[in-house]
Amino acid sequence: MPSQGELYIVLTNKEAKGKKGALLAMVKGTVSEQVVSILEQMPNRLRKKVKEVTLDLAPTMERIARRAFPNAKLVSDRFHVQQLAGMPFSSFALNIDGKLSSRRTRRWNWPENWEQLYPPDIGER
């Protein structure tokens, strides 16, 4: 079932390596005040033990992480960094490809009135 625009913050225990105990919490929404109030229900001593938080590049996520996990090192996730770094190259490639495509189209597509430009020779068989 598609998410229909719903966003969640997922807390995992990296040391569990995807096994039992890996999923710690799943919080619906990204409004920093609401998410922080939910995460603050965790004991402070546990939140202070968090060493690292991997997050996307949204300022809201940074605010949540800093308030909920004050001792954690914040790390931007690789996917979003690569996506951001690749944007100028993608834009450039699309621009170049579009220019090349339009040249190829003009060069190889027959004009709509080609029969008028090149009438068939009646004498051919």
N, C-alpha and C. Protein backbone atom coordinates (compact mmCIF):
# COMPACT_ATOMS: atom_id res chain seq x y z
N MET A 1 0.84 -1.17 0.00
CA MET A 1 0.00 0.00 0.00
C MET A 1 0.89 1.24 0.00
N PRO A 2 0.65 2.22 -0.88
CA PRO A 2 1.46 3.44 -0.92
C PRO A 2 1.30 4.25 0.36
N SER A 3 2.30 5.08 0.64
CA SER A 3 2.30 5.85 1.89
C SER A 3 1.31 7.00 1.89
N GLN A 4 0.87 7.44 0.74
CA GLN A 4 -0.06 8.56 0.61
C GLN A 4 0.46 9.82 1.31
N GLY A 5 1.76 10.06 1.17
CA GLY A 5 2.36 11.28 1.69
C GLY A 5 2.70 11.26 3.17
N GLU A 6 2.49 10.15 3.84
CA GLU A 6 2.81 10.07 5.26
C GLU A 6 4.31 9.91 5.43
N LEU A 7 4.86 10.60 6.41
CA LEU A 7 6.29 10.51 6.69
C LEU A 7 6.48 9.97 8.10
N TYR A 8 7.51 9.16 8.26
CA TYR A 8 7.80 8.56 9.55
C TYR A 8 9.27 8.76 9.89
N ILE A 9 9.54 8.85 11.17
CA ILE A 9 10.91 8.85 11.66
C ILE A 9 11.12 7.48 12.28
N VAL A 10 12.17 6.81 11.84
CA VAL A 10 12.43 5.44 12.28
C VAL A 10 13.71 5.43 13.11
N LEU A 11 13.62 4.90 14.32
CA LEU A 11 14.78 4.75 15.19
C LEU A 11 15.17 3.29 15.22
N THR A 12 16.43 3.04 14.92
CA THR A 12 16.91 1.66 14.93
C THR A 12 18.17 1.54 15.78
N ASN A 13 18.42 0.34 16.23
CA ASN A 13 19.64 0.02 16.94
C ASN A 13 20.58 -0.63 15.94
N LYS A 14 21.57 0.09 15.52
CA LYS A 14 22.50 -0.39 14.50
C LYS A 14 23.22 -1.67 14.94
N GLU A 15 23.49 -1.78 16.22
CA GLU A 15 24.22 -2.95 16.72
C GLU A 15 23.40 -4.24 16.61
N ALA A 16 22.07 -4.14 16.50
CA ALA A 16 21.23 -5.33 16.36
C ALA A 16 21.34 -5.92 14.95
N LYS A 17 21.90 -5.18 14.03
CA LYS A 17 22.14 -5.64 12.65
C LYS A 17 20.90 -6.21 11.99
N GLY A 18 19.76 -5.53 12.16
CA GLY A 18 18.53 -5.93 11.50
C GLY A 18 17.79 -7.07 12.15
N LYS A 19 18.27 -7.56 13.26
CA LYS A 19 17.62 -8.68 13.95
C LYS A 19 16.74 -8.16 15.08
N LYS A 20 16.37 -9.03 15.98
CA LYS A 20 15.50 -8.68 17.11
C LYS A 20 16.11 -7.50 17.89
N GLY A 21 15.27 -6.50 18.15
CA GLY A 21 15.73 -5.32 18.89
C GLY A 21 16.26 -4.22 17.99
N ALA A 22 16.23 -4.43 16.68
CA ALA A 22 16.75 -3.41 15.77
C ALA A 22 15.82 -2.21 15.68
N LEU A 23 14.50 -2.45 15.65
CA LEU A 23 13.54 -1.35 15.56
C LEU A 23 13.21 -0.85 16.97
N LEU A 24 13.56 0.40 17.24
CA LEU A 24 13.32 0.98 18.57
C LEU A 24 12.03 1.78 18.60
N ALA A 25 11.78 2.55 17.55
CA ALA A 25 10.57 3.39 17.51
C ALA A 25 10.28 3.79 16.09
N MET A 26 9.00 4.07 15.84
CA MET A 26 8.57 4.57 14.54
C MET A 26 7.55 5.66 14.85
N VAL A 27 7.91 6.90 14.52
CA VAL A 27 7.09 8.06 14.88
C VAL A 27 6.52 8.67 13.61
N LYS A 28 5.20 8.81 13.56
CA LYS A 28 4.56 9.39 12.39
C LYS A 28 4.69 10.91 12.44
N GLY A 29 5.11 11.48 11.30
CA GLY A 29 5.19 12.93 11.19
C GLY A 29 6.60 13.45 11.25
N THR A 30 6.75 14.73 10.88
CA THR A 30 8.07 15.37 10.91
C THR A 30 8.02 16.75 11.56
N VAL A 31 6.92 17.07 12.23
CA VAL A 31 6.85 18.35 12.95
C VAL A 31 7.73 18.21 14.18
N SER A 32 8.78 19.02 14.23
CA SER A 32 9.82 18.82 15.24
C SER A 32 9.29 18.80 16.68
N GLU A 33 8.42 19.71 17.04
CA GLU A 33 7.91 19.75 18.42
C GLU A 33 7.17 18.47 18.78
N GLN A 34 6.36 17.98 17.86
CA GLN A 34 5.59 16.76 18.13
C GLN A 34 6.50 15.54 18.25
N VAL A 35 7.45 15.43 17.33
CA VAL A 35 8.35 14.27 17.34
C VAL A 35 9.24 14.30 18.57
N VAL A 36 9.77 15.46 18.91
CA VAL A 36 10.64 15.57 20.10
C VAL A 36 9.86 15.20 21.35
N SER A 37 8.61 15.66 21.45
CA SER A 37 7.82 15.34 22.65
C SER A 37 7.61 13.83 22.78
N ILE A 38 7.48 13.14 21.67
CA ILE A 38 7.34 11.68 21.72
C ILE A 38 8.67 11.03 22.09
N LEU A 39 9.76 11.48 21.46
CA LEU A 39 11.06 10.89 21.74
C LEU A 39 11.52 11.17 23.17
N GLU A 40 11.09 12.29 23.72
CA GLU A 40 11.47 12.62 25.10
C GLU A 40 10.79 11.72 26.12
N GLN A 41 9.86 10.90 25.68
CA GLN A 41 9.25 9.92 26.58
C GLN A 41 10.22 8.78 26.89
N MET A 42 11.24 8.65 26.04
CA MET A 42 12.31 7.69 26.34
C MET A 42 13.11 8.24 27.51
N PRO A 43 13.61 7.38 28.39
CA PRO A 43 14.42 7.88 29.50
C PRO A 43 15.63 8.69 29.00
N ASN A 44 15.91 9.78 29.67
CA ASN A 44 17.00 10.68 29.30
C ASN A 44 18.34 9.93 29.25
N ARG A 45 18.55 9.03 30.21
CA ARG A 45 19.82 8.28 30.26
C ARG A 45 20.02 7.45 28.98
N LEU A 46 18.93 6.92 28.42
CA LEU A 46 19.04 6.15 27.17
C LEU A 46 19.28 7.06 25.99
N ARG A 47 18.60 8.19 25.95
CA ARG A 47 18.78 9.13 24.83
C ARG A 47 20.20 9.69 24.82
N LYS A 48 20.80 9.87 25.99
CA LYS A 48 22.17 10.37 26.06
C LYS A 48 23.20 9.34 25.63
N LYS A 49 22.81 8.05 25.60
CA LYS A 49 23.71 6.98 25.16
C LYS A 49 23.82 6.89 23.64
N VAL A 50 22.90 7.52 22.93
CA VAL A 50 22.91 7.45 21.47
C VAL A 50 24.19 8.12 20.96
N LYS A 51 24.97 7.37 20.19
CA LYS A 51 26.27 7.85 19.71
C LYS A 51 26.18 8.56 18.37
N GLU A 52 25.27 8.08 17.50
CA GLU A 52 25.21 8.60 16.14
C GLU A 52 23.79 8.59 15.63
N VAL A 53 23.43 9.66 14.91
CA VAL A 53 22.12 9.75 14.27
C VAL A 53 22.35 10.03 12.79
N THR A 54 21.82 9.14 11.95
CA THR A 54 21.90 9.34 10.51
C THR A 54 20.60 9.97 10.06
N LEU A 55 20.69 11.07 9.33
CA LEU A 55 19.48 11.79 8.94
C LEU A 55 19.61 12.34 7.53
N ASP A 56 18.44 12.71 6.99
CA ASP A 56 18.48 13.35 5.67
C ASP A 56 18.90 14.80 5.85
N LEU A 57 18.84 15.59 4.83
CA LEU A 57 19.37 16.94 4.88
C LEU A 57 18.35 17.99 5.32
N ALA A 58 17.19 17.55 5.78
CA ALA A 58 16.14 18.48 6.19
C ALA A 58 16.50 19.13 7.53
N PRO A 59 16.36 20.46 7.63
CA PRO A 59 16.65 21.15 8.88
C PRO A 59 15.78 20.64 10.04
N THR A 60 14.57 20.22 9.75
CA THR A 60 13.68 19.70 10.79
C THR A 60 14.29 18.47 11.45
N MET A 61 14.86 17.58 10.65
CA MET A 61 15.46 16.36 11.20
C MET A 61 16.66 16.69 12.08
N GLU A 62 17.42 17.69 11.67
CA GLU A 62 18.57 18.09 12.49
C GLU A 62 18.09 18.63 13.85
N ARG A 63 17.05 19.47 13.83
CA ARG A 63 16.50 20.00 15.09
C ARG A 63 16.03 18.88 16.00
N ILE A 64 15.32 17.92 15.43
CA ILE A 64 14.82 16.79 16.23
C ILE A 64 15.98 16.02 16.83
N ALA A 65 16.97 15.70 16.02
CA ALA A 65 18.10 14.90 16.49
C ALA A 65 18.88 15.62 17.59
N ARG A 66 19.13 16.91 17.40
CA ARG A 66 19.90 17.66 18.41
C ARG A 66 19.17 17.74 19.75
N ARG A 67 17.86 17.93 19.69
CA ARG A 67 17.09 18.05 20.94
C ARG A 67 16.86 16.70 21.62
N ALA A 68 16.57 15.68 20.84
CA ALA A 68 16.25 14.39 21.43
C ALA A 68 17.49 13.59 21.83
N PHE A 69 18.57 13.78 21.09
CA PHE A 69 19.80 13.02 21.33
C PHE A 69 20.99 13.96 21.42
N PRO A 70 21.12 14.66 22.54
CA PRO A 70 22.11 15.74 22.66
C PRO A 70 23.57 15.31 22.52
N ASN A 71 23.89 14.06 22.81
CA ASN A 71 25.30 13.63 22.74
C ASN A 71 25.65 12.95 21.42
N ALA A 72 24.70 12.82 20.55
CA ALA A 72 24.93 12.07 19.31
C ALA A 72 25.65 12.91 18.26
N LYS A 73 26.45 12.22 17.49
CA LYS A 73 27.09 12.83 16.33
C LYS A 73 26.07 12.73 15.19
N LEU A 74 25.86 13.83 14.47
CA LEU A 74 24.91 13.84 13.36
C LEU A 74 25.63 13.55 12.06
N VAL A 75 25.08 12.60 11.30
CA VAL A 75 25.68 12.18 10.04
C VAL A 75 24.61 12.25 8.97
N SER A 76 24.91 12.93 7.86
CA SER A 76 23.97 12.97 6.73
C SER A 76 24.04 11.65 5.99
N ASP A 77 22.87 11.11 5.64
CA ASP A 77 22.89 9.81 4.97
C ASP A 77 23.43 9.93 3.55
N ARG A 78 24.09 8.89 3.13
CA ARG A 78 24.80 8.88 1.86
C ARG A 78 23.87 9.09 0.66
N PHE A 79 22.68 8.49 0.71
CA PHE A 79 21.75 8.62 -0.40
C PHE A 79 21.45 10.08 -0.71
N HIS A 80 21.11 10.86 0.32
CA HIS A 80 20.74 12.26 0.10
C HIS A 80 21.93 13.11 -0.31
N VAL A 81 23.10 12.81 0.22
CA VAL A 81 24.30 13.55 -0.16
C VAL A 81 24.63 13.27 -1.63
N GLN A 82 24.58 11.99 -2.03
CA GLN A 82 24.86 11.66 -3.43
C GLN A 82 23.81 12.27 -4.36
N GLN A 83 22.56 12.26 -3.93
CA GLN A 83 21.48 12.84 -4.73
C GLN A 83 21.74 14.33 -4.94
N LEU A 84 22.10 15.02 -3.87
CA LEU A 84 22.36 16.45 -3.95
C LEU A 84 23.59 16.74 -4.82
N ALA A 85 24.64 15.93 -4.64
CA ALA A 85 25.86 16.14 -5.42
C ALA A 85 25.64 15.85 -6.89
N GLY A 86 24.76 14.91 -7.21
CA GLY A 86 24.52 14.53 -8.59
C GLY A 86 23.58 15.45 -9.35
N MET A 87 22.85 16.30 -8.65
CA MET A 87 21.86 17.15 -9.32
C MET A 87 22.44 18.03 -10.44
N PRO A 88 23.55 18.73 -10.21
CA PRO A 88 24.08 19.55 -11.29
C PRO A 88 24.48 18.72 -12.51
N PHE A 89 25.03 17.52 -12.27
CA PHE A 89 25.44 16.67 -13.39
C PHE A 89 24.24 16.13 -14.14
N SER A 90 23.18 15.77 -13.39
CA SER A 90 21.96 15.28 -14.05
C SER A 90 21.35 16.38 -14.90
N SER A 91 21.31 17.57 -14.36
CA SER A 91 20.75 18.70 -15.09
C SER A 91 21.56 18.97 -16.36
N PHE A 92 22.87 18.93 -16.22
CA PHE A 92 23.76 19.15 -17.36
C PHE A 92 23.55 18.07 -18.42
N ALA A 93 23.49 16.81 -17.98
CA ALA A 93 23.32 15.70 -18.91
C ALA A 93 21.98 15.80 -19.63
N LEU A 94 20.92 16.13 -18.91
CA LEU A 94 19.61 16.27 -19.54
C LEU A 94 19.61 17.40 -20.55
N ASN A 95 20.29 18.48 -20.22
CA ASN A 95 20.38 19.62 -21.11
C ASN A 95 21.11 19.24 -22.40
N ILE A 96 22.25 18.58 -22.24
CA ILE A 96 23.04 18.15 -23.40
C ILE A 96 22.25 17.13 -24.21
N ASP A 97 21.66 16.14 -23.54
CA ASP A 97 20.91 15.10 -24.24
C ASP A 97 19.73 15.70 -24.99
N GLY A 98 19.06 16.67 -24.38
CA GLY A 98 17.93 17.33 -25.04
C GLY A 98 18.38 18.04 -26.30
N LYS A 99 19.53 18.70 -26.24
CA LYS A 99 20.05 19.39 -27.43
C LYS A 99 20.43 18.40 -28.52
N LEU A 100 21.06 17.29 -28.11
CA LEU A 100 21.44 16.28 -29.10
C LEU A 100 20.21 15.62 -29.70
N SER A 101 19.23 15.34 -28.85
CA SER A 101 18.01 14.69 -29.34
C SER A 101 17.30 15.57 -30.35
N SER A 102 17.24 16.86 -30.07
CA SER A 102 16.54 17.74 -31.00
C SER A 102 17.31 17.84 -32.32
N ARG A 103 18.63 17.77 -32.29
CA ARG A 103 19.41 17.77 -33.53
C ARG A 103 19.17 16.49 -34.32
N ARG A 104 19.17 15.36 -33.62
CA ARG A 104 18.92 14.09 -34.30
C ARG A 104 17.53 14.09 -34.92
N THR A 105 16.57 14.61 -34.20
CA THR A 105 15.19 14.64 -34.70
C THR A 105 15.11 15.47 -35.96
N ARG A 106 15.70 16.65 -35.95
CA ARG A 106 15.66 17.50 -37.13
C ARG A 106 16.39 16.86 -38.30
N ARG A 107 17.44 16.13 -38.02
CA ARG A 107 18.25 15.56 -39.09
C ARG A 107 17.60 14.34 -39.72
N TRP A 108 16.93 13.49 -38.92
CA TRP A 108 16.46 12.22 -39.43
C TRP A 108 14.96 12.15 -39.65
N ASN A 109 14.17 12.99 -39.03
CA ASN A 109 12.72 12.92 -39.25
C ASN A 109 12.35 13.55 -40.58
N TRP A 110 11.48 12.86 -41.29
CA TRP A 110 11.00 13.39 -42.56
C TRP A 110 10.07 14.55 -42.29
N PRO A 111 10.09 15.58 -43.11
CA PRO A 111 9.13 16.66 -42.94
C PRO A 111 7.72 16.14 -43.23
N GLU A 112 6.73 16.77 -42.60
CA GLU A 112 5.36 16.32 -42.78
C GLU A 112 4.91 16.42 -44.24
N ASN A 113 5.42 17.37 -44.96
CA ASN A 113 5.01 17.55 -46.36
C ASN A 113 6.03 16.95 -47.32
N TRP A 114 6.66 15.85 -46.95
CA TRP A 114 7.73 15.28 -47.76
C TRP A 114 7.27 14.85 -49.15
N GLU A 115 6.01 14.41 -49.26
CA GLU A 115 5.54 13.99 -50.59
C GLU A 115 5.45 15.17 -51.55
N GLN A 116 5.18 16.34 -51.03
CA GLN A 116 5.14 17.52 -51.88
C GLN A 116 6.54 17.97 -52.27
N LEU A 117 7.47 17.78 -51.33
CA LEU A 117 8.85 18.17 -51.61
C LEU A 117 9.51 17.20 -52.58
N TYR A 118 9.23 15.93 -52.43
CA TYR A 118 9.83 14.90 -53.26
C TYR A 118 8.71 14.05 -53.88
N PRO A 119 8.03 14.55 -54.90
CA PRO A 119 6.95 13.77 -55.50
C PRO A 119 7.48 12.49 -56.13
N PRO A 120 6.72 11.40 -56.03
CA PRO A 120 7.19 10.14 -56.62
C PRO A 120 7.29 10.27 -58.14
N ASP A 121 8.28 9.62 -58.70
CA ASP A 121 8.46 9.63 -60.16
C ASP A 121 7.46 8.63 -60.75
N ILE A 122 6.59 9.13 -61.57
CA ILE A 122 5.52 8.33 -62.15
C ILE A 122 6.10 7.21 -63.03
N GLY A 123 7.22 7.46 -63.62
CA GLY A 123 7.80 6.49 -64.54
C GLY A 123 8.45 5.31 -63.83
N GLU A 124 8.64 5.35 -62.52
CA GLU A 124 9.30 4.24 -61.81
C GLU A 124 8.35 3.06 -61.65
N ARG A 125 8.91 1.87 -61.65
CA ARG A 125 8.13 0.66 -61.40
C ARG A 125 8.72 -0.09 -60.28
